[in-house]
Amino acid sequence: MTSVVNHGHFSWRKQQGFTLIELVVVIIILGILAVMVAPQFIGLKSNAYASTMQGVAGAINSSKTLVYSACTISTDCDETAAAGTGNGLGNSLIVLGQSITLAYGYPRHTGAGIARMTNIADISDGGEFILTTYTDSGRSGLRIRPNAEYAANKCEIRYSQPQAVGQTPLVEVYIDQC
């Protein structure tokens, strides 16, 4: 119900609520905004995982270089020694207060190697990543994935220790499908 109040030559209407047309227009505008904005928020999650994994790859590359440099200048480290067999430590080095197991002077692809050096922990140990092993084309290593629903080979970093003296570790980045 509408009443008209007349104050001089201006008239004012008191309205009780929105009309049906006004509500429909607002709902349509909100729907259009949702369709335009929702994909951007969904893309942000993928971008965040991809950026996190790029950061992990950068940390791995820096860590392997740091460890190898520390090994070559240390008199207690042998950069020509292969990885220890089984779960044995073999050649190891204390870096930043952490005992890092080595393979040819570089961190091994284990929890006591590259994962410890970069402070990457598995979700079972309270970390934010899923750490598993992989074997591909005769080469094995450590697979690092975010704690999200990504299948193997979709959003991950792979680290494989050197196989011989003079080789460097292999760091593979797969973030196209994060």
Protein backbone atom coordinates (compact mmCIF):
# COMPACT_ATOMS: atom_id res chain seq x y z
CA MET A 1 0.00 0.00 0.00
CA THR A 2 1.37 3.37 -0.93
CA SER A 3 0.54 6.69 0.58
CA VAL A 4 1.38 10.05 -0.87
CA VAL A 5 2.60 12.80 1.40
CA ASN A 6 2.47 16.27 -0.12
CA HIS A 7 4.95 18.87 1.20
CA GLY A 8 4.58 21.94 -0.90
CA HIS A 9 5.25 21.11 -4.48
CA PHE A 10 7.20 17.86 -3.75
CA SER A 11 5.42 14.57 -3.31
CA TRP A 12 6.99 11.62 -1.48
CA ARG A 13 5.88 8.04 -1.61
CA LYS A 14 6.36 5.61 1.18
CA GLN A 15 7.08 2.12 -0.15
CA GLN A 16 6.53 -1.08 1.78
CA GLY A 17 9.24 -3.14 -0.02
CA PHE A 18 10.83 -4.08 -3.32
CA THR A 19 8.78 -4.87 -6.37
CA LEU A 20 9.06 -8.26 -8.01
CA ILE A 21 10.84 -6.73 -11.01
CA GLU A 22 13.47 -5.11 -8.79
CA LEU A 23 14.15 -8.43 -7.03
CA VAL A 24 14.45 -10.31 -10.34
CA VAL A 25 16.91 -7.72 -11.69
CA VAL A 26 19.07 -7.96 -8.54
CA ILE A 27 19.07 -11.78 -8.75
CA ILE A 28 20.07 -11.66 -12.42
CA ILE A 29 22.93 -9.24 -11.68
CA LEU A 30 24.17 -11.42 -8.82
CA GLY A 31 24.00 -14.48 -11.07
CA ILE A 32 26.05 -12.75 -13.77
CA LEU A 33 28.65 -11.66 -11.21
CA ALA A 34 28.85 -15.17 -9.78
CA VAL A 35 29.42 -16.67 -13.23
CA MET A 36 32.19 -14.17 -13.94
CA VAL A 37 33.93 -14.30 -10.54
CA ALA A 38 33.67 -17.99 -9.57
CA PRO A 39 36.17 -19.26 -12.18
CA GLN A 40 38.70 -16.72 -10.96
CA PHE A 41 38.45 -18.04 -7.39
CA ILE A 42 38.70 -21.62 -8.62
CA GLY A 43 41.78 -20.63 -10.64
CA LEU A 44 43.33 -19.04 -7.55
CA LYS A 45 43.45 -22.41 -5.81
CA SER A 46 45.27 -24.00 -8.75
CA ASN A 47 47.63 -21.05 -8.99
CA ALA A 48 48.35 -21.27 -5.27
CA TYR A 49 49.30 -24.95 -5.53
CA ALA A 50 51.42 -24.30 -8.63
CA SER A 51 53.21 -21.42 -6.87
CA THR A 52 53.79 -23.55 -3.78
CA MET A 53 55.31 -26.29 -5.89
CA GLN A 54 57.54 -23.79 -7.71
CA GLY A 55 58.73 -22.62 -4.31
CA VAL A 56 59.47 -26.22 -3.32
CA ALA A 57 61.46 -26.72 -6.52
CA GLY A 58 63.44 -23.55 -5.80
CA ALA A 59 64.14 -24.72 -2.25
CA ILE A 60 65.29 -28.11 -3.53
CA ASN A 61 67.64 -26.56 -6.10
CA SER A 62 69.12 -24.19 -3.52
CA SER A 63 69.45 -26.96 -0.94
CA LYS A 64 71.21 -29.41 -3.25
CA THR A 65 73.72 -26.73 -4.23
CA LEU A 66 74.28 -25.72 -0.60
CA VAL A 67 74.83 -29.31 0.51
CA TYR A 68 77.19 -30.11 -2.35
CA SER A 69 79.21 -26.95 -1.65
CA ALA A 70 79.41 -27.82 2.05
CA CYS A 71 80.51 -31.34 1.19
CA THR A 72 83.27 -30.25 -1.18
CA ILE A 73 84.83 -27.87 1.37
CA SER A 74 84.47 -30.27 4.33
CA THR A 75 87.33 -32.61 5.14
CA ASP A 76 84.83 -35.05 6.69
CA CYS A 77 82.72 -35.44 3.56
CA ASP A 78 83.45 -37.51 0.46
CA GLU A 79 81.62 -36.21 -2.61
CA THR A 80 82.64 -39.33 -4.54
CA ALA A 81 80.89 -41.74 -2.13
CA ALA A 82 77.75 -43.49 -3.31
CA ALA A 83 74.58 -43.56 -1.24
CA GLY A 84 74.49 -45.88 1.73
CA THR A 85 72.82 -49.20 1.08
CA GLY A 86 69.37 -49.91 2.45
CA ASN A 87 68.51 -47.59 5.30
CA GLY A 88 72.14 -47.04 6.23
CA LEU A 89 73.34 -43.48 6.54
CA GLY A 90 76.52 -43.99 4.56
CA ASN A 91 78.01 -40.62 3.78
CA SER A 92 76.29 -37.80 5.67
CA LEU A 93 76.89 -34.17 6.56
CA ILE A 94 75.59 -31.79 9.23
CA VAL A 95 74.08 -28.74 7.52
CA LEU A 96 72.18 -26.08 9.46
CA GLY A 97 72.05 -28.46 12.43
CA GLN A 98 70.52 -31.29 10.38
CA SER A 99 72.17 -34.59 9.48
CA ILE A 100 71.71 -34.93 5.73
CA THR A 101 72.40 -38.28 4.06
CA LEU A 102 74.31 -37.99 0.79
CA ALA A 103 74.81 -39.64 -2.56
CA TYR A 104 77.89 -38.39 -4.42
CA GLY A 105 77.92 -35.22 -2.31
CA TYR A 106 74.26 -34.34 -2.90
CA PRO A 107 71.25 -35.03 -0.65
CA ARG A 108 69.69 -38.46 -1.11
CA HIS A 109 66.11 -38.70 -2.32
CA THR A 110 64.86 -39.70 1.13
CA GLY A 111 63.29 -38.18 4.20
CA ALA A 112 66.75 -37.97 5.78
CA GLY A 113 68.15 -36.38 2.62
CA ILE A 114 66.49 -33.69 0.52
CA ALA A 115 63.23 -33.64 2.50
CA ARG A 116 65.08 -32.91 5.75
CA MET A 117 67.30 -30.32 4.08
CA THR A 118 64.33 -28.37 2.73
CA ASN A 119 62.11 -28.87 5.83
CA ILE A 120 59.51 -30.67 3.76
CA ALA A 121 57.50 -33.12 5.83
CA ASP A 122 54.92 -35.72 4.91
CA ILE A 123 51.36 -35.25 6.16
CA SER A 124 51.83 -38.33 8.35
CA ASP A 125 54.57 -36.39 10.18
CA GLY A 126 52.51 -33.19 10.51
CA GLY A 127 53.71 -31.69 7.23
CA GLU A 128 51.83 -30.18 4.32
CA PHE A 129 52.98 -32.51 1.56
CA ILE A 130 52.57 -36.09 0.41
CA LEU A 131 55.98 -37.73 0.02
CA THR A 132 56.20 -40.97 -1.93
CA THR A 133 58.77 -42.71 -4.05
CA TYR A 134 58.62 -43.18 -7.79
CA THR A 135 60.37 -45.21 -10.47
CA ASP A 136 60.32 -43.99 -14.04
CA SER A 137 62.51 -45.13 -16.94
CA GLY A 138 64.89 -46.93 -14.61
CA ARG A 139 65.37 -43.90 -12.36
CA SER A 140 63.87 -43.69 -8.88
CA GLY A 141 63.43 -40.81 -6.50
CA LEU A 142 61.22 -38.82 -4.17
CA ARG A 143 57.85 -37.51 -5.33
CA ILE A 144 56.53 -34.42 -3.52
CA ARG A 145 52.88 -33.42 -3.97
CA PRO A 146 50.67 -30.93 -2.14
CA ASN A 147 48.21 -32.36 0.37
CA ALA A 148 45.34 -32.11 -2.09
CA GLU A 149 43.51 -34.45 -4.40
CA TYR A 150 46.05 -34.66 -7.21
CA ALA A 151 46.94 -37.93 -8.86
CA ALA A 152 50.56 -38.86 -9.39
CA ASN A 153 52.24 -36.97 -12.25
CA LYS A 154 49.73 -34.08 -12.08
CA CYS A 155 51.03 -31.52 -9.56
CA GLU A 156 54.38 -32.60 -8.20
CA ILE A 157 58.12 -32.19 -7.91
CA ARG A 158 60.40 -35.17 -8.44
CA TYR A 159 63.89 -35.34 -6.98
CA SER A 160 66.31 -38.08 -7.93
CA GLN A 161 69.81 -38.31 -6.47
CA PRO A 162 72.86 -38.67 -8.74
CA GLN A 163 73.63 -42.16 -9.96
CA ALA A 164 77.39 -41.69 -10.39
CA VAL A 165 80.28 -39.35 -9.58
CA GLY A 166 80.05 -36.10 -11.52
CA GLN A 167 76.30 -36.25 -12.03
CA THR A 168 73.88 -33.80 -10.48
CA PRO A 169 70.47 -34.61 -9.02
CA LEU A 170 67.50 -34.53 -11.33
CA VAL A 171 64.73 -32.11 -10.30
CA GLU A 172 61.58 -32.37 -12.40
CA VAL A 173 58.68 -29.93 -12.03
CA TYR A 174 55.17 -30.96 -13.10
CA ILE A 175 52.80 -28.09 -12.29
CA ASP A 176 50.78 -27.66 -15.49
CA GLN A 177 47.86 -29.60 -14.03
CA CYS A 178 47.78 -28.15 -10.50
